[in-house]
Structure formats: C-alpha cells, structure tokens
Amino acid sequence: MTLAEIDGLGVASFTLRPDHAVDLSLRSGLALRWIMEDTNGGASGINMLQHAVRAIEAGDAQAIVLVAGDRMTASDFRTVVDEYNVITRDYVTPLGMGGPNAMFAMLTQRHMRHHGLDETAYGSVAVAQRRWAGMNPGAVYRSEMTMDDYLMSPLIASPLRRFDCVPPVTGADALVITRQDRVPAGRTAIRVGAIGGSVNWDRHEGDGLRTGLADIAPELWRRAGSDPAEADVISVYDDYPVMTLIQLADMGYAPTGHVRQIADRLLHDHWPVNTSGGQLSAGQAGSAAGMHGLVEAVIQLSGEAGDRQVPDARIAAVSGYGMVTYRYGSCANLAILERI
C-alpha cells in the first residue's frame, strides 16, 4: 500500500507530547477520514484495534494504520513514572515510590500465598520467554538464562528480582487494518475473530488476583467459535511475571484453578506464549508495549517469525492489561485472531 491509500490513523504514545495524532498525520502527509489517539497503556493496542475494526466495518475508513511508540531515555522514563496520571503524580510519587515495582511486588506476594507458589513459578515465565527471545533479533535480552541465573539475580522489591521487571527501551510498532478484499497480493490476511474489553473498577478495587479478562474471555471464545486449547500462539501483557500467570488463568488456561500447572507448562513444554520474548526480554517501549503482543501474533500467523516461527500457526489469542492507578490495572482486553 502507499500513503495515499491510508485514510485512517490510530496513535498511542506517552512521549509524543506536545504533539498528538493529528500532528503525526500532518508530518506524514496523510489525508484522513478517521483518526484516534489512545492513552490506555498496556491495553492501548487492542483498544485501537477494536475501534479500527468497527470503523472499517462501518465504512468510515478503508485502510487504517495503528502505530504505537515511545522514546525512553532515562529522563523520559522518569517523567512517565512520576506523572503517569493525576493519582500517581499527587499521591504515589510524593511517597517516594519509584515506579510500579513495589506495587507489583506486593501483588506477587499475595498471589504467591494464595496459590501456594514459590519464586520458581515466576521464574518459569522469565526463563521460558528468554528462550523465545534468543530467536528474536529485536530483543534486548537474548542470552540464555537458567532458573539458577534467575534466582541469583538481585532483588529489586521482594520477591521481584531483576528479571521480573521489564527493561525500558525506545521503540515502536505498527499494524495495517483493512478489508479482506483490499489485502495486497502476496500478503497473508488475518481476521479478527472476536475482540472486546473490560474497564472494571471492581477488579481494580479487589485483591488484584483476577483481571477483567475473567469476565469477557468465555464470551469472546464463543464468538470466535474457538476455545483456549485451539490457540496456536498466545500473547499476554507481561509487565511482570505475576500478570502473565493471572491473565493466562483468566483466559481459561487454568480450568482447575491450579496456576502452578501454567508455570510448569511454560517451563517444560515450549508453550508458544509471548514468542517474541515478551516485554521481559524484548523490552517495554512505553505505549508500544501495548501493541507488542498483537504485532507478534500477526507476525506468527503470517509465517514471518523466522527461527521462532510456530509451525502452522492459525489462531492467536492476545490480551492487553493497563492503566495502573494506586495499585492495579483497571483496563483489560482480548483479541482472538485467525489466519484466513
């Protein structure tokens, strides 16, 4: 496609300010019929996709580019952490909280007690994703990591260790959304089978051990005509290993409630979860992280993942999770994609 064929733009970025989506469209020379800007962090990618799909279905646009990205220097990162929202700026930052590590450390402690887990359950997420990252040229952490390496890494906020915390990086990602009959020759078409989200303050004010995915996943699997066992590729928003385990359980991968089974499967079965290495190994590029798993799923379904390609990948499930205020994220969403 050429720029002249693009008539829709969705943008997510923390550091684009003071510019906005309209400024980016002008600098890119785009003539648009549809434009949006999303500020929902780890939920931004799937949120923009949901809006874009509906716009295409309604005929509001013919071809939409979704782009997310951030420049994350040390000072940029500090600004985002200290001024993430009004609650953070006015109540959390003055307490000396240096970002969300301490909050998610407390959540991990609660999750550990509730499910009777030890540190190796969370290490299983980091170690398994590092294996995938070793096959991803774009990952910032690519060297092999054993469970002993994980357990020997420095404590950041007990029980979180260095490799439980995402490395901030500069980066961007993008997707093109259009009708099937407009997909260029030679390109693989990926259909959005089902998509939805939940902004649920009951979840935010609860114990943090479940997300809004628990409310929406069963219906979305039904609408997609599929079930969790049929997903060939899974991407979950992995700012911390505990959130990977929670989201996988909420999506239906712990039907008996035994979360340890998820951790063991990640460690021993080469389960295709976060096949880019996820943010824990590939890096968290601000708002781009909200679309990271979505882009990886499309790459896998398109058969373009190189050494990390999942054979015959046809169905992908992608979750988003974001907008931490005092302690937990309040926004969760899920997309189920299928290669046509």
Protein backbone atom coordinates (compact mmCIF):
# COMPACT_ATOMS: atom_id res chain seq x y z
CA MET A 1 0.00 0.00 0.00
CA THR A 2 1.00 3.61 -0.49
CA LEU A 3 0.43 6.51 1.88
CA ALA A 4 -2.28 7.77 -0.48
CA GLU A 5 -4.33 4.64 0.27
CA ILE A 6 -4.24 5.20 4.04
CA ASP A 7 -7.28 7.12 5.26
CA GLY A 8 -7.25 6.22 8.95
CA LEU A 9 -4.70 6.62 11.76
CA GLY A 10 -4.61 5.48 15.38
CA VAL A 11 -1.77 6.55 17.66
CA ALA A 12 -0.68 5.57 21.18
CA SER A 13 2.31 7.28 22.82
CA PHE A 14 3.32 8.71 26.18
CA THR A 15 6.22 10.82 24.87
CA LEU A 16 4.79 12.21 21.61
CA ARG A 17 3.57 15.19 23.62
CA PRO A 18 3.10 18.06 22.97
CA ASP A 19 2.31 16.65 19.52
CA HIS A 20 -0.69 14.39 19.03
CA ALA A 21 -2.16 12.07 16.42
CA VAL A 22 -3.17 14.99 14.21
CA ASP A 23 0.40 16.37 14.26
CA LEU A 24 1.78 12.97 13.25
CA SER A 25 -0.72 12.73 10.40
CA LEU A 26 0.32 16.14 9.08
CA ARG A 27 4.03 15.30 9.28
CA SER A 28 3.37 12.03 7.47
CA GLY A 29 1.40 13.70 4.68
CA LEU A 30 -1.75 11.70 5.35
CA ALA A 31 -5.24 12.73 4.22
CA LEU A 32 -7.57 11.07 6.72
CA ARG A 33 -11.25 10.30 7.19
CA TRP A 34 -10.72 8.65 10.60
CA ILE A 35 -8.29 9.44 13.44
CA MET A 36 -7.95 8.49 17.10
CA GLU A 37 -5.45 8.72 19.95
CA ASP A 38 -5.33 6.18 22.76
CA THR A 39 -3.83 6.68 26.21
CA ASN A 40 -4.60 3.32 27.80
CA GLY A 41 -1.04 1.97 28.12
CA GLY A 42 -0.88 -1.81 28.05
CA ALA A 43 -4.48 -2.01 26.79
CA SER A 44 -3.98 0.56 24.02
CA GLY A 45 -3.14 -1.80 21.14
CA ILE A 46 -6.23 -3.98 21.37
CA ASN A 47 -8.38 -0.96 22.20
CA MET A 48 -7.26 0.78 19.00
CA LEU A 49 -7.75 -2.44 17.04
CA GLN A 50 -11.34 -2.72 18.29
CA HIS A 51 -12.10 0.85 17.19
CA ALA A 52 -10.36 0.36 13.84
CA VAL A 53 -12.24 -2.86 13.05
CA ARG A 54 -15.56 -1.16 13.77
CA ALA A 55 -14.57 1.82 11.59
CA ILE A 56 -13.70 -0.47 8.67
CA GLU A 57 -16.97 -2.41 9.13
CA ALA A 58 -18.94 0.85 9.16
CA GLY A 59 -17.21 2.19 6.05
CA ASP A 60 -15.71 5.14 7.92
CA ALA A 61 -12.27 4.28 6.52
CA GLN A 62 -10.77 1.86 4.00
CA ALA A 63 -7.26 1.36 5.38
CA ILE A 64 -6.12 2.31 8.89
CA VAL A 65 -2.60 2.37 10.27
CA LEU A 66 -2.26 1.80 14.01
CA VAL A 67 1.07 2.94 15.40
CA ALA A 68 2.43 2.99 18.93
CA GLY A 69 5.83 4.09 20.16
CA ASP A 70 7.88 5.95 22.71
CA ARG A 71 11.31 7.41 23.21
CA MET A 72 12.51 6.16 26.58
CA THR A 73 15.64 7.94 27.73
CA ALA A 74 16.30 7.93 31.47
CA SER A 75 14.63 11.33 31.85
CA ASP A 76 11.67 10.35 29.67
CA PHE A 77 11.14 7.23 31.73
CA ARG A 78 11.31 9.17 34.99
CA THR A 79 8.69 11.64 33.72
CA VAL A 80 6.33 8.85 32.69
CA VAL A 81 6.78 7.08 36.04
CA ASP A 82 6.34 10.22 38.16
CA GLU A 83 3.46 11.75 36.16
CA TYR A 84 1.68 8.67 34.82
CA ASN A 85 -1.66 10.11 35.89
CA VAL A 86 -3.02 12.52 38.49
CA ILE A 87 -3.28 9.85 41.18
CA THR A 88 0.34 8.82 40.65
CA ARG A 89 1.58 12.41 40.49
CA ASP A 90 -0.30 13.68 43.55
CA TYR A 91 -0.36 10.70 45.89
CA VAL A 92 2.10 7.96 44.90
CA THR A 93 5.19 9.85 43.69
CA PRO A 94 5.36 12.06 46.84
CA LEU A 95 5.66 8.86 48.90
CA GLY A 96 8.91 8.06 47.11
CA MET A 97 7.51 5.21 45.01
CA GLY A 98 9.98 4.80 42.15
CA GLY A 99 7.50 3.31 39.70
CA PRO A 100 5.26 0.24 39.87
CA ASN A 101 7.84 -2.33 41.07
CA ALA A 102 6.81 -2.07 44.73
CA MET A 103 3.10 -2.31 43.93
CA PHE A 104 3.53 -5.43 41.83
CA ALA A 105 5.89 -6.89 44.42
CA MET A 106 3.03 -6.75 46.92
CA LEU A 107 0.65 -8.27 44.38
CA THR A 108 3.16 -11.06 43.70
CA GLN A 109 3.41 -11.76 47.44
CA ARG A 110 -0.38 -12.06 47.66
CA HIS A 111 -0.56 -14.25 44.54
CA MET A 112 2.24 -16.46 45.89
CA ARG A 113 0.42 -17.01 49.20
CA HIS A 114 -2.99 -17.54 47.60
CA HIS A 115 -1.78 -20.25 45.21
CA GLY A 116 0.95 -21.76 47.36
CA LEU A 117 3.71 -20.86 44.89
CA ASP A 118 7.41 -20.20 45.30
CA GLU A 119 9.77 -17.98 43.30
CA THR A 120 10.34 -20.62 40.64
CA ALA A 121 6.75 -20.21 39.39
CA TYR A 122 7.51 -16.63 38.40
CA GLY A 123 10.99 -17.56 37.23
CA SER A 124 9.35 -20.05 34.86
CA VAL A 125 7.77 -17.13 32.99
CA ALA A 126 11.06 -15.23 32.68
CA VAL A 127 13.13 -18.29 31.73
CA ALA A 128 10.60 -19.58 29.18
CA GLN A 129 10.28 -16.20 27.49
CA ARG A 130 14.05 -15.78 27.36
CA ARG A 131 14.23 -18.98 25.28
CA TRP A 132 11.96 -17.38 22.71
CA ALA A 133 13.88 -14.09 22.89
CA GLY A 134 17.06 -15.92 21.92
CA MET A 135 15.47 -16.37 18.48
CA ASN A 136 14.31 -12.75 18.18
CA PRO A 137 16.93 -10.36 16.74
CA GLY A 138 14.97 -7.40 18.14
CA ALA A 139 15.04 -8.49 21.78
CA VAL A 140 17.31 -6.61 24.19
CA TYR A 141 17.92 -9.71 26.36
CA ARG A 142 18.88 -12.66 24.15
CA SER A 143 21.47 -14.63 26.12
CA GLU A 144 20.41 -17.94 27.64
CA MET A 145 19.05 -17.76 31.18
CA THR A 146 18.63 -20.70 33.55
CA MET A 147 16.47 -20.87 36.64
CA ASP A 148 19.64 -20.54 38.74
CA ASP A 149 20.51 -17.35 36.82
CA TYR A 150 17.05 -16.01 37.60
CA LEU A 151 17.22 -16.90 41.30
CA MET A 152 20.70 -15.37 41.66
CA SER A 153 19.74 -12.03 40.11
CA PRO A 154 19.47 -9.06 42.51
CA LEU A 155 16.30 -8.44 44.49
CA ILE A 156 14.56 -5.24 43.42
CA ALA A 157 11.44 -5.31 45.60
CA SER A 158 10.92 -8.66 47.32
CA PRO A 159 10.07 -11.08 45.81
CA LEU A 160 10.71 -9.34 42.47
CA ARG A 161 14.17 -9.82 41.01
CA ARG A 162 15.89 -8.04 38.16
CA PHE A 163 14.43 -10.33 35.51
CA ASP A 164 10.89 -9.91 36.86
CA CYS A 165 11.00 -6.24 35.83
CA VAL A 166 10.70 -5.10 32.22
CA PRO A 167 13.66 -3.17 30.76
CA PRO A 168 12.50 0.23 29.40
CA VAL A 169 13.56 0.72 25.76
CA THR A 170 12.89 3.07 22.87
CA GLY A 171 10.80 1.51 20.13
CA ALA A 172 7.66 1.45 18.02
CA ASP A 173 5.35 -0.93 16.22
CA ALA A 174 2.54 -0.69 13.66
CA LEU A 175 -0.30 -2.60 12.03
CA VAL A 176 -2.42 -2.02 8.92
CA ILE A 177 -6.15 -2.74 9.21
CA THR A 178 -8.24 -3.05 6.04
CA ARG A 179 -10.98 -5.09 4.37
CA GLN A 180 -10.11 -8.58 3.18
CA ASP A 181 -10.70 -7.68 -0.47
CA ARG A 182 -8.10 -4.89 -0.19
CA VAL A 183 -5.29 -7.06 1.16
CA PRO A 184 -2.39 -6.73 -1.33
CA ALA A 185 -1.49 -9.78 -3.38
CA GLY A 186 1.04 -11.98 -1.66
CA ARG A 187 0.15 -10.79 1.84
CA THR A 188 -1.47 -13.04 4.43
CA ALA A 189 -4.86 -11.85 5.67
CA ILE A 190 -5.53 -12.09 9.41
CA ARG A 191 -9.17 -11.98 10.51
CA VAL A 192 -10.25 -10.55 13.86
CA GLY A 193 -12.50 -13.37 15.08
CA ALA A 194 -13.55 -11.68 18.31
CA ILE A 195 -12.45 -8.68 20.31
CA GLY A 196 -13.61 -6.98 23.49
CA GLY A 197 -12.55 -5.21 26.65
CA SER A 198 -13.44 -4.53 30.26
CA VAL A 199 -12.88 -1.40 32.32
CA ASN A 200 -13.87 -2.74 35.69
CA TRP A 201 -13.29 -0.80 38.89
CA ASP A 202 -14.48 -3.73 40.99
CA ARG A 203 -11.43 -5.58 39.69
CA HIS A 204 -9.23 -2.59 40.45
CA GLU A 205 -10.50 -2.28 43.99
CA GLY A 206 -10.35 -6.03 44.67
CA ASP A 207 -7.35 -8.15 45.57
CA GLY A 208 -5.72 -7.94 42.12
CA LEU A 209 -5.70 -11.71 41.62
CA ARG A 210 -8.13 -11.54 38.70
CA THR A 211 -8.45 -9.12 35.79
CA GLY A 212 -11.38 -8.12 33.63
CA LEU A 213 -10.37 -10.92 31.26
CA ALA A 214 -12.14 -13.35 33.56
CA ASP A 215 -15.40 -11.53 32.76
CA ILE A 216 -15.04 -11.33 28.98
CA ALA A 217 -12.94 -14.31 27.85
CA PRO A 218 -15.66 -17.02 27.81
CA GLU A 219 -17.94 -14.92 25.60
CA LEU A 220 -15.11 -13.96 23.23
CA TRP A 221 -14.01 -17.58 22.79
CA ARG A 222 -17.64 -18.43 22.00
CA ARG A 223 -17.96 -15.61 19.46
CA ALA A 224 -14.73 -16.68 17.79
CA GLY A 225 -16.01 -20.25 17.51
CA SER A 226 -12.92 -21.48 19.29
CA ASP A 227 -11.60 -22.33 22.75
CA PRO A 228 -8.32 -21.78 24.65
CA ALA A 229 -6.88 -25.17 23.64
CA GLU A 230 -7.11 -24.25 19.95
CA ALA A 231 -4.87 -21.18 20.14
CA ASP A 232 -1.55 -21.87 18.43
CA VAL A 233 0.05 -18.62 19.65
CA ILE A 234 -0.70 -16.66 22.83
CA SER A 235 0.43 -13.15 23.70
CA VAL A 236 -0.26 -11.67 27.13
CA TYR A 237 0.81 -8.31 28.50
CA ASP A 238 3.83 -9.19 30.64
CA ASP A 239 4.99 -6.17 32.61
CA TYR A 240 5.62 -8.65 35.47
CA PRO A 241 5.52 -12.49 35.55
CA VAL A 242 2.63 -12.46 38.02
CA MET A 243 0.48 -10.71 35.42
CA THR A 244 1.35 -13.34 32.82
CA LEU A 245 0.12 -16.08 35.18
CA ILE A 246 -3.01 -14.16 36.18
CA GLN A 247 -4.02 -13.36 32.60
CA LEU A 248 -3.42 -16.89 31.34
CA ALA A 249 -5.63 -18.20 34.15
CA ASP A 250 -8.33 -15.62 33.35
CA MET A 251 -8.21 -16.58 29.65
CA GLY A 252 -9.06 -20.18 30.52
CA TYR A 253 -5.68 -21.88 30.81
CA ALA A 254 -6.13 -22.99 34.43
CA PRO A 255 -9.59 -24.62 34.34
CA THR A 256 -8.94 -26.48 37.60
CA GLY A 257 -7.58 -23.36 39.28
CA HIS A 258 -4.06 -24.75 39.62
CA VAL A 259 -1.84 -21.88 38.47
CA ARG A 260 1.29 -23.96 39.08
CA GLN A 261 0.30 -26.04 36.06
CA ILE A 262 0.63 -22.92 33.90
CA ALA A 263 4.12 -22.22 35.22
CA ASP A 264 5.22 -25.83 34.69
CA ARG A 265 3.83 -25.86 31.17
CA LEU A 266 5.71 -22.66 30.33
CA LEU A 267 8.98 -24.05 31.66
CA HIS A 268 8.86 -27.57 30.26
CA ASP A 269 6.58 -27.70 27.20
CA HIS A 270 7.94 -24.91 24.95
CA TRP A 271 4.42 -23.49 25.05
CA PRO A 272 4.12 -20.66 22.45
CA VAL A 273 3.36 -17.85 24.90
CA ASN A 274 4.98 -14.44 24.23
CA THR A 275 7.06 -15.85 21.40
CA SER A 276 8.93 -12.57 20.88
CA GLY A 277 10.36 -12.97 24.37
CA GLY A 278 7.66 -10.61 25.59
CA GLN A 279 8.47 -7.34 27.25
CA LEU A 280 10.50 -9.12 29.94
CA SER A 281 13.18 -9.93 27.34
CA ALA A 282 12.33 -7.82 24.28
CA GLY A 283 11.84 -4.63 26.29
CA GLN A 284 8.99 -2.27 27.15
CA ALA A 285 8.84 0.63 24.71
CA GLY A 286 6.23 2.67 26.56
CA SER A 287 2.90 2.62 24.72
CA ALA A 288 4.42 0.42 22.02
CA ALA A 289 4.30 -2.36 24.61
CA GLY A 290 0.51 -2.23 24.41
CA MET A 291 0.72 -3.42 20.80
CA HIS A 292 3.82 -5.61 21.16
CA GLY A 293 1.96 -8.91 21.63
CA LEU A 294 -0.55 -8.05 18.91
CA VAL A 295 2.20 -7.42 16.35
CA GLU A 296 3.98 -10.63 17.35
CA ALA A 297 0.76 -12.61 16.89
CA VAL A 298 0.28 -11.16 13.39
CA ILE A 299 3.91 -11.95 12.52
CA GLN A 300 3.40 -15.55 13.68
CA LEU A 301 0.10 -16.01 11.83
CA SER A 302 1.74 -14.53 8.72
CA GLY A 303 4.55 -17.10 8.91
CA GLU A 304 7.21 -14.39 9.14
CA ALA A 305 8.73 -15.11 12.58
CA GLY A 306 11.94 -16.73 11.31
CA ASP A 307 13.68 -19.02 13.77
CA ARG A 308 10.93 -18.61 16.36
CA GLN A 309 8.10 -19.44 13.95
CA VAL A 310 5.38 -21.65 15.43
CA PRO A 311 4.60 -24.28 12.75
CA ASP A 312 1.22 -23.93 11.04
CA ALA A 313 0.07 -21.17 13.39
CA ARG A 314 -3.58 -20.42 12.55
CA ILE A 315 -5.23 -19.00 15.69
CA ALA A 316 -3.78 -16.46 18.13
CA ALA A 317 -5.09 -15.06 21.41
CA VAL A 318 -3.76 -11.67 22.54
CA SER A 319 -4.52 -9.90 25.80
CA GLY A 320 -3.91 -6.36 26.98
CA TYR A 321 -3.77 -5.01 30.51
CA GLY A 322 -3.09 -1.49 31.67
CA MET A 323 -3.67 1.80 33.42
CA VAL A 324 -2.33 1.23 36.92
CA THR A 325 -3.51 3.88 39.38
CA TYR A 326 -2.91 3.23 43.05
CA ARG A 327 -2.05 -0.43 42.64
CA TYR A 328 -3.71 -2.50 39.86
CA GLY A 329 -4.62 -2.10 36.21
CA SER A 330 -8.27 -1.26 35.55
CA CYS A 331 -8.44 -1.99 31.83
CA ALA A 332 -8.18 -5.46 30.24
CA ASN A 333 -8.99 -6.66 26.74
CA LEU A 334 -8.66 -9.67 24.47
CA ALA A 335 -8.47 -10.29 20.73
CA ILE A 336 -8.72 -13.67 19.03
CA LEU A 337 -7.18 -13.66 15.56
CA GLU A 338 -7.30 -16.22 12.76
CA ARG A 339 -5.25 -16.66 9.61
CA ILE A 340 -7.53 -16.78 6.58
